[in-house]
């Protein structure tokens, strides 16, 4: 295709991409008409109105037999819109782990090439629009986020084209789809499902620790950082370095505190409940001689029990040692004994309230002078069977935190 024919310049145009604005062309130049001095590579086309973005990339003799007269000046668009047609689906291997990826090859002027830009971990341009849709997700904390492609690998590719090689380089950039990988495991102990989440992170990506932001590469060198400690929510983070600049950070739910880090179950244990005193009575007995005497009589509201009892075992996990539950004192029955010339009272060990035994012989006794007295007995620590009693509570190390187990016993039905 000939454009702008003139005695000194004739153009031949090609289209490297389907975009008509991305034009690579050469012009046949007559040195006798424009001069023998060849412009510097990278200089702009003299027709800045028609070719505002094109630069000289290569010059060669059009006719080897007439090397000093006819030349071909090659021009290429300096700012090609390369993203529209520059992509291919592939896989990237980072530390032995494969990720879905998109590869893009960019032609960049040597003078403007910067191996640090775009930065590793940078988000891939969303061009063509909607060609690489991100996936909206909800994470384990019900927060919304979006999967993105980030720059993971880059390398230069030789240009086997003498036209472009003088002024341009090709850099291949591989963008991986940064998708957190989840694993779910059933926790038989707590009867919950725990998650494990692995996230790909570049060295410069930052995370917050106690309100301060740090690059993950710094935390990777600090095993004592709070970032790697077990949290009160039962989360433990670990890290594996995949390459010089890539890390796999694993967030493991050691204990699912969201679903509940406690449970209880009913069982039976052998336990003893002492008898409970009902009352003490004195029955009047008349002798054949006509004399009167009193004989004590004891009743019990509950008899002694020893055997299987219903028990509730409560188990709970916590990040810190909160100590054991207060174990209640065991029931301590006590006996009652009173001995007088008139009667002997003996009550076996029972639970009871305060007991007072009052004694008097009046004025008619033929043997003993008038005597009156009181025998007081304090209440036992329990006056009756408690509705429940905590009989044991233990705390031990468990999954980086503390496991408390408390047993509560209930009395038998009466």
Protein backbone atom coordinates (compact mmCIF):
# COMPACT_ATOMS: atom_id res chain seq x y z
CA UNK A 1 0.00 0.00 0.00
CA UNK A 2 1.55 3.30 -1.07
CA UNK A 3 0.82 6.40 0.99
CA UNK A 4 1.82 9.98 0.26
CA UNK A 5 3.85 9.24 -2.89
CA UNK A 6 6.49 11.84 -3.49
CA UNK A 7 9.77 11.94 -5.38
CA UNK A 8 11.74 11.52 -2.14
CA UNK A 9 9.52 9.33 0.12
CA UNK A 10 7.12 6.45 -0.51
CA UNK A 11 5.52 4.51 2.41
CA UNK A 12 4.59 0.83 2.70
CA UNK A 13 2.36 0.08 5.73
CA UNK A 14 1.63 -3.13 7.69
CA UNK A 15 -0.61 -3.70 10.72
CA UNK A 16 1.04 -5.71 13.52
CA UNK A 17 -2.28 -5.98 15.38
CA UNK A 18 -5.97 -5.82 14.40
CA UNK A 19 -5.99 -2.25 15.73
CA UNK A 20 -5.52 0.01 12.69
CA UNK A 21 -3.71 2.57 14.84
CA UNK A 22 -0.86 0.10 15.47
CA UNK A 23 1.09 0.63 12.25
CA UNK A 24 4.56 -0.52 11.26
CA UNK A 25 5.78 0.89 7.96
CA UNK A 26 8.88 1.74 5.98
CA UNK A 27 9.53 4.56 3.58
CA UNK A 28 11.72 4.33 0.50
CA UNK A 29 13.94 7.39 0.71
CA UNK A 30 16.04 8.92 -2.07
CA UNK A 31 19.17 10.26 -0.39
CA UNK A 32 19.82 12.64 -3.27
CA UNK A 33 16.47 14.29 -2.48
CA UNK A 34 16.50 14.34 1.38
CA UNK A 35 20.22 14.26 2.06
CA UNK A 36 22.67 11.52 2.96
CA UNK A 37 22.63 12.13 6.72
CA UNK A 38 20.61 9.37 8.41
CA UNK A 39 18.45 10.42 11.38
CA UNK A 40 19.16 8.95 14.82
CA UNK A 41 17.24 5.87 15.86
CA UNK A 42 14.30 6.87 17.98
CA UNK A 43 13.76 10.19 16.26
CA UNK A 44 10.17 11.03 15.41
CA UNK A 45 8.73 10.93 11.94
CA UNK A 46 9.04 14.32 10.17
CA UNK A 47 5.30 14.34 9.47
CA UNK A 48 4.20 14.77 13.12
CA UNK A 49 0.62 15.49 12.08
CA UNK A 50 0.06 12.19 10.30
CA UNK A 51 2.44 10.02 12.35
CA UNK A 52 2.58 11.63 15.82
CA UNK A 53 3.49 8.43 17.67
CA UNK A 54 5.96 6.83 15.27
CA UNK A 55 9.73 6.70 15.64
CA UNK A 56 12.57 5.55 13.45
CA UNK A 57 13.56 2.01 14.41
CA UNK A 58 15.71 0.75 11.55
CA UNK A 59 17.47 1.90 8.38
CA UNK A 60 18.76 -0.29 5.58
CA UNK A 61 19.83 0.09 1.97
CA UNK A 62 16.92 -0.56 -0.38
CA UNK A 63 19.22 -1.69 -3.17
CA UNK A 64 22.58 -3.20 -2.19
CA UNK A 65 23.96 -2.07 -5.54
CA UNK A 66 23.10 1.54 -4.82
CA UNK A 67 23.88 1.71 -1.10
CA UNK A 68 24.44 5.45 -1.06
CA UNK A 69 21.22 6.52 -2.73
CA UNK A 70 18.08 4.54 -1.77
CA UNK A 71 17.24 3.64 1.81
CA UNK A 72 14.37 2.16 3.70
CA UNK A 73 13.43 4.02 6.89
CA UNK A 74 11.35 1.80 9.21
CA UNK A 75 8.94 3.48 11.63
CA UNK A 76 6.90 1.90 14.43
CA UNK A 77 4.22 3.31 16.67
CA UNK A 78 5.96 4.24 19.91
CA UNK A 79 2.92 3.66 22.17
CA UNK A 80 1.12 0.64 20.79
CA UNK A 81 -2.04 -0.28 22.65
CA UNK A 82 -0.67 -3.72 23.29
CA UNK A 83 -3.12 -5.08 25.86
CA UNK A 84 -6.07 -5.62 23.54
CA UNK A 85 -4.54 -8.50 21.59
CA UNK A 86 -1.54 -9.39 23.69
CA UNK A 87 -2.48 -12.31 25.95
CA UNK A 88 -2.61 -16.08 26.17
CA UNK A 89 -3.76 -18.46 28.89
CA UNK A 90 -1.04 -20.54 30.51
CA UNK A 91 0.14 -21.96 33.83
CA UNK A 92 2.78 -20.53 36.15
CA UNK A 93 4.90 -22.69 38.41
CA UNK A 94 5.90 -20.99 41.66
CA UNK A 95 7.85 -23.18 44.02
CA UNK A 96 6.34 -26.34 42.55
CA UNK A 97 2.77 -25.07 42.85
CA UNK A 98 0.89 -24.42 39.61
CA UNK A 99 -1.43 -21.45 39.17
CA UNK A 100 -3.75 -20.38 36.36
CA UNK A 101 -2.03 -17.55 34.56
CA UNK A 102 -2.10 -15.12 31.63
CA UNK A 103 1.08 -14.40 29.63
CA UNK A 104 1.57 -11.04 27.88
CA UNK A 105 4.48 -9.95 25.67
CA UNK A 106 5.24 -6.22 25.64
CA UNK A 107 7.41 -4.38 23.14
CA UNK A 108 9.17 -1.55 25.01
CA UNK A 109 11.70 1.03 23.87
CA UNK A 110 15.13 0.18 25.22
CA UNK A 111 15.65 3.71 26.51
CA UNK A 112 12.40 3.54 28.46
CA UNK A 113 12.63 -0.04 29.68
CA UNK A 114 12.56 -0.37 33.47
CA UNK A 115 12.84 -3.93 34.83
CA UNK A 116 11.16 -2.79 38.07
CA UNK A 117 7.98 -1.50 36.44
CA UNK A 118 5.33 -2.59 36.75
CA UNK A 119 6.20 -3.86 40.21
CA UNK A 120 5.98 -7.56 40.94
CA UNK A 121 2.59 -8.30 42.45
CA UNK A 122 0.95 -5.49 40.49
CA UNK A 123 -2.57 -6.07 39.20
CA UNK A 124 -2.91 -7.01 35.53
CA UNK A 125 -4.68 -4.46 33.25
CA UNK A 126 -8.29 -5.48 32.69
CA UNK A 127 -7.92 -5.33 28.92
CA UNK A 128 -9.76 -6.42 26.88
CA UNK A 129 -12.59 -5.45 29.19
CA UNK A 130 -14.36 -8.46 30.72
CA UNK A 131 -11.98 -10.89 29.01
CA UNK A 132 -10.54 -11.89 32.36
CA UNK A 133 -13.46 -11.51 34.76
CA UNK A 134 -12.62 -11.52 38.43
CA UNK A 135 -14.52 -13.79 40.75
CA UNK A 136 -16.41 -12.20 43.60
CA UNK A 137 -16.09 -14.25 46.76
CA UNK A 138 -16.96 -14.13 50.42
CA UNK A 139 -14.14 -15.09 52.74
CA UNK A 140 -14.28 -17.04 55.99
CA UNK A 141 -15.21 -13.86 57.90
CA UNK A 142 -18.06 -13.02 55.50
CA UNK A 143 -16.03 -10.20 53.95
CA UNK A 144 -16.36 -9.56 50.21
CA UNK A 145 -13.27 -9.65 48.04
CA UNK A 146 -12.36 -10.21 44.39
CA UNK A 147 -9.85 -12.56 42.79
CA UNK A 148 -7.30 -10.71 40.66
CA UNK A 149 -4.40 -11.49 38.35
CA UNK A 150 -1.05 -10.24 39.69
CA UNK A 151 2.39 -10.07 38.11
CA UNK A 152 4.37 -13.13 39.18
CA UNK A 153 7.12 -13.65 36.58
CA UNK A 154 8.92 -11.58 33.95
CA UNK A 155 11.67 -12.25 31.44
CA UNK A 156 13.13 -10.72 28.28
CA UNK A 157 12.65 -12.48 24.98
CA UNK A 158 15.09 -11.98 22.08
CA UNK A 159 13.64 -10.10 19.11
CA UNK A 160 14.35 -11.98 15.93
CA UNK A 161 13.47 -8.95 13.88
CA UNK A 162 16.18 -6.64 12.65
CA UNK A 163 13.65 -3.87 12.21
CA UNK A 164 12.67 -3.70 15.90
CA UNK A 165 15.77 -5.08 17.57
CA UNK A 166 17.71 -1.85 17.41
CA UNK A 167 15.28 0.19 19.47
CA UNK A 168 12.96 -2.18 21.31
CA UNK A 169 13.02 -5.11 23.73
CA UNK A 170 10.30 -7.67 24.38
CA UNK A 171 9.39 -8.48 27.97
CA UNK A 172 7.10 -11.38 28.77
CA UNK A 173 5.00 -10.80 31.87
CA UNK A 174 3.13 -13.65 33.47
CA UNK A 175 0.18 -12.77 35.68
CA UNK A 176 -1.15 -15.46 38.02
CA UNK A 177 -4.72 -15.60 39.24
CA UNK A 178 -4.44 -14.92 42.94
CA UNK A 179 -7.04 -17.24 44.37
CA UNK A 180 -6.91 -18.35 48.02
CA UNK A 181 -6.90 -22.11 48.34
CA UNK A 182 -9.23 -23.54 50.98
CA UNK A 183 -9.26 -26.88 52.73
CA UNK A 184 -11.99 -28.07 55.11
CA UNK A 185 -11.38 -30.70 57.79
CA UNK A 186 -13.78 -32.19 60.28
CA UNK A 187 -12.75 -31.73 63.90
CA UNK A 188 -13.98 -34.83 65.68
CA UNK A 189 -13.13 -33.48 69.12
CA UNK A 190 -15.34 -30.37 68.90
CA UNK A 191 -17.68 -31.77 66.20
CA UNK A 192 -17.04 -28.72 63.99
CA UNK A 193 -15.53 -28.11 60.57
CA UNK A 194 -12.26 -26.15 60.52
CA UNK A 195 -10.84 -24.35 57.50
CA UNK A 196 -7.29 -23.93 56.26
CA UNK A 197 -6.65 -21.05 53.85
CA UNK A 198 -3.48 -20.62 51.78
CA UNK A 199 -2.76 -17.27 50.14
CA UNK A 200 -0.06 -16.43 47.60
CA UNK A 201 1.77 -13.25 48.63
CA UNK A 202 4.56 -11.25 47.00
CA UNK A 203 7.46 -10.08 49.15
CA UNK A 204 6.31 -6.45 49.24
CA UNK A 205 2.69 -7.17 50.12
CA UNK A 206 1.90 -5.78 53.54
CA UNK A 207 -0.08 -7.11 56.47
CA UNK A 208 -1.06 -5.44 59.72
CA UNK A 209 0.30 -6.63 63.06
CA UNK A 210 -1.05 -4.85 66.13
CA UNK A 211 -2.00 -1.88 63.98
CA UNK A 212 1.40 -1.61 62.24
CA UNK A 213 1.92 -2.53 58.57
CA UNK A 214 4.83 -4.81 57.59
CA UNK A 215 5.88 -6.41 54.27
CA UNK A 216 5.43 -10.16 54.42
CA UNK A 217 9.14 -10.64 53.59
CA UNK A 218 10.06 -8.92 56.88
CA UNK A 219 7.69 -11.07 58.90
CA UNK A 220 9.10 -14.16 57.21
CA UNK A 221 12.39 -13.38 58.96
CA UNK A 222 10.81 -12.81 62.36
CA UNK A 223 9.46 -16.06 63.84
CA UNK A 224 8.72 -14.24 67.12
CA UNK A 225 6.28 -11.79 65.54
CA UNK A 226 2.74 -11.79 66.93
CA UNK A 227 1.61 -12.51 63.37
CA UNK A 228 2.76 -16.11 63.76
CA UNK A 229 1.27 -16.63 67.24
CA UNK A 230 -1.98 -18.39 67.99
CA UNK A 231 -4.80 -15.86 68.21
CA UNK A 232 -7.62 -15.78 70.76
CA UNK A 233 -9.89 -16.81 67.88
CA UNK A 234 -7.99 -20.10 67.43
CA UNK A 235 -6.15 -19.00 64.24
CA UNK A 236 -2.54 -20.01 63.59
CA UNK A 237 -0.53 -18.71 60.60
CA UNK A 238 2.40 -20.48 59.00
CA UNK A 239 4.54 -19.58 55.99
CA UNK A 240 6.44 -21.34 53.22
CA UNK A 241 8.79 -19.46 50.94
CA UNK A 242 8.18 -20.59 47.35
CA UNK A 243 10.86 -18.54 45.59
CA UNK A 244 13.01 -15.48 46.13
CA UNK A 245 9.99 -13.18 46.28
CA UNK A 246 6.89 -15.35 46.68
CA UNK A 247 5.44 -16.77 49.85
CA UNK A 248 2.55 -19.10 50.64
CA UNK A 249 0.92 -17.93 53.86
CA UNK A 250 -1.35 -20.50 55.51
CA UNK A 251 -4.07 -19.47 57.92
CA UNK A 252 -5.23 -22.50 59.90
CA UNK A 253 -8.25 -22.68 62.15
CA UNK A 254 -6.81 -24.75 64.99
CA UNK A 255 -10.05 -24.43 66.93
CA UNK A 256 -13.27 -23.16 65.37
CA UNK A 257 -14.23 -20.58 67.99
CA UNK A 258 -16.87 -19.15 65.64
CA UNK A 259 -18.85 -22.39 65.64
CA UNK A 260 -18.09 -22.89 69.32
CA UNK A 261 -15.03 -24.09 71.19
CA UNK A 262 -16.98 -25.84 73.93
CA UNK A 263 -19.32 -28.75 74.35
CA UNK A 264 -20.88 -30.86 77.07
CA UNK A 265 -22.12 -34.38 77.40
CA UNK A 266 -24.06 -36.38 79.97
CA UNK A 267 -22.61 -39.48 81.54
CA UNK A 268 -22.77 -41.31 84.89
CA UNK A 269 -20.27 -41.50 87.69
CA UNK A 270 -20.27 -43.24 91.06
CA UNK A 271 -20.85 -40.83 93.90
CA UNK A 272 -22.05 -40.90 97.50
CA UNK A 273 -24.83 -38.86 99.11
CA UNK A 274 -25.12 -39.09 102.93
CA UNK A 275 -28.44 -39.42 104.77
CA UNK A 276 -30.35 -36.26 105.66
CA UNK A 277 -31.78 -35.86 109.17
CA UNK A 278 -35.54 -35.47 109.24
CA UNK A 279 -36.19 -34.90 112.96
CA UNK A 280 -35.52 -36.03 116.56
CA UNK A 281 -38.49 -36.90 118.73
CA UNK A 282 -38.86 -38.05 122.35
CA UNK A 283 -41.59 -40.57 122.96
CA UNK A 284 -43.06 -40.86 126.51
CA UNK A 285 -43.11 -44.36 128.01
CA UNK A 286 -44.90 -45.31 131.26
CA UNK A 287 -43.40 -48.02 133.44
CA UNK A 288 -45.49 -50.59 135.37
CA UNK A 289 -44.50 -48.79 138.51
CA UNK A 290 -46.18 -45.70 137.15
CA UNK A 291 -42.93 -43.84 136.51
CA UNK A 292 -42.57 -42.02 133.18
CA UNK A 293 -39.51 -42.14 130.94
CA UNK A 294 -38.58 -40.68 127.51
CA UNK A 295 -37.02 -42.54 124.62
CA UNK A 296 -35.50 -40.68 121.60
CA UNK A 297 -36.68 -41.48 118.07
CA UNK A 298 -34.80 -40.35 114.91
CA UNK A 299 -36.25 -39.94 111.40
CA UNK A 300 -34.47 -39.31 108.09
CA UNK A 301 -35.79 -37.29 105.15
CA UNK A 302 -33.32 -39.02 102.80
CA UNK A 303 -31.43 -42.19 103.22
CA UNK A 304 -27.80 -42.70 102.29
CA UNK A 305 -27.04 -43.38 98.61
CA UNK A 306 -23.92 -44.68 96.95
CA UNK A 307 -23.85 -45.61 93.29
CA UNK A 308 -24.22 -44.31 89.70
CA UNK A 309 -25.28 -40.67 89.41
CA UNK A 310 -26.05 -38.47 86.43
CA UNK A 311 -23.11 -36.20 85.60
CA UNK A 312 -22.54 -33.37 83.12
CA UNK A 313 -19.03 -33.00 81.71
CA UNK A 314 -18.39 -29.52 80.26
CA UNK A 315 -15.36 -29.02 77.99
CA UNK A 316 -14.15 -25.62 76.76
CA UNK A 317 -11.06 -24.27 74.96
CA UNK A 318 -9.51 -20.86 75.48
CA UNK A 319 -6.42 -19.07 74.24
CA UNK A 320 -5.29 -18.21 77.77
CA UNK A 321 -5.30 -20.19 80.98
CA UNK A 322 -8.42 -18.92 82.76
CA UNK A 323 -7.99 -21.34 85.66
CA UNK A 324 -10.17 -24.14 86.87
CA UNK A 325 -13.78 -23.79 87.93
CA UNK A 326 -14.40 -23.57 91.67
CA UNK A 327 -14.77 -27.12 92.92
CA UNK A 328 -17.42 -27.26 95.61
CA UNK A 329 -16.66 -28.83 98.95
CA UNK A 330 -17.80 -32.37 99.43
CA UNK A 331 -20.79 -32.98 101.71
CA UNK A 332 -19.55 -33.48 105.26
CA UNK A 333 -22.14 -35.21 107.46
CA UNK A 334 -21.77 -35.07 111.22
CA UNK A 335 -23.14 -37.23 114.05
CA UNK A 336 -25.18 -36.14 117.06
CA UNK A 337 -24.80 -37.76 120.48
CA UNK A 338 -26.35 -36.84 123.86
CA UNK A 339 -26.08 -38.96 127.02
CA UNK A 340 -28.08 -38.27 130.19
CA UNK A 341 -29.25 -40.36 133.17
CA UNK A 342 -32.62 -40.41 131.48
CA UNK A 343 -31.77 -41.29 127.86
CA UNK A 344 -28.99 -41.83 125.38
CA UNK A 345 -29.32 -40.17 121.95
CA UNK A 346 -27.08 -41.30 119.12
CA UNK A 347 -27.63 -40.12 115.55
CA UNK A 348 -25.32 -41.42 112.88
CA UNK A 349 -23.55 -38.99 110.51
CA UNK A 350 -26.14 -36.99 108.59
CA UNK A 351 -26.66 -33.68 106.86
CA UNK A 352 -28.74 -31.44 109.06
CA UNK A 353 -29.54 -27.91 110.05
CA UNK A 354 -28.86 -26.46 113.53
CA UNK A 355 -30.02 -28.93 116.21
CA UNK A 356 -30.78 -28.12 119.86
CA UNK A 357 -31.61 -30.82 122.41
CA UNK A 358 -33.21 -29.37 125.58
CA UNK A 359 -33.24 -31.48 128.78
CA UNK A 360 -34.87 -30.93 132.22
CA UNK A 361 -35.85 -33.33 135.03
CA UNK A 362 -38.34 -31.08 136.85
CA UNK A 363 -38.81 -30.93 140.65
CA UNK A 364 -40.19 -34.41 141.30
CA UNK A 365 -37.20 -36.58 140.59
CA UNK A 366 -36.50 -38.87 143.54
CA UNK A 367 -32.83 -39.25 142.67
CA UNK A 368 -31.52 -36.15 140.93
CA UNK A 369 -31.95 -32.55 141.88
CA UNK A 370 -33.49 -30.17 139.43
CA UNK A 371 -31.37 -29.91 136.33
CA UNK A 372 -31.94 -28.18 132.96
CA UNK A 373 -29.60 -28.10 129.98
CA UNK A 374 -29.25 -27.56 126.24
CA UNK A 375 -27.07 -29.43 123.77
CA UNK A 376 -26.43 -27.41 120.57
CA UNK A 377 -25.12 -28.83 117.32
CA UNK A 378 -24.18 -26.59 114.37
CA UNK A 379 -25.52 -27.18 110.88
CA UNK A 380 -23.41 -29.22 108.51
CA UNK A 381 -21.89 -27.57 105.39
CA UNK A 382 -24.91 -28.78 103.41
CA UNK A 383 -28.25 -29.14 105.18
CA UNK A 384 -29.67 -31.19 102.31
CA UNK A 385 -28.51 -32.70 99.06
CA UNK A 386 -27.53 -29.91 96.65
CA UNK A 387 -29.29 -29.75 93.29
CA UNK A 388 -25.85 -30.23 91.72
CA UNK A 389 -22.25 -30.21 92.85
CA UNK A 390 -19.01 -29.56 90.90
CA UNK A 391 -16.81 -32.46 91.86
CA UNK A 392 -13.80 -31.89 89.59
CA UNK A 393 -12.24 -29.31 87.26
CA UNK A 394 -8.98 -29.70 85.35
CA UNK A 395 -7.00 -27.54 82.90
CA UNK A 396 -4.35 -28.80 80.49
CA UNK A 397 -2.46 -27.62 77.41
CA UNK A 398 -4.31 -28.37 74.19
CA UNK A 399 -3.66 -27.22 70.59
CA UNK A 400 -1.59 -24.27 71.69
CA UNK A 401 -4.23 -23.09 74.17
CA UNK A 402 -5.90 -24.50 77.27
CA UNK A 403 -8.62 -27.09 77.67
CA UNK A 404 -10.82 -26.98 80.76
CA UNK A 405 -12.94 -29.98 81.76
CA UNK A 406 -15.48 -29.65 84.55
CA UNK A 407 -17.65 -32.44 85.96
CA UNK A 408 -20.93 -31.67 87.71
CA UNK A 409 -22.81 -34.43 89.53
CA UNK A 410 -26.55 -34.50 90.19
CA UNK A 411 -28.25 -36.37 93.06
CA UNK A 412 -30.39 -39.43 92.37
CA UNK A 413 -34.12 -38.92 92.12
CA UNK A 414 -35.99 -39.25 95.40
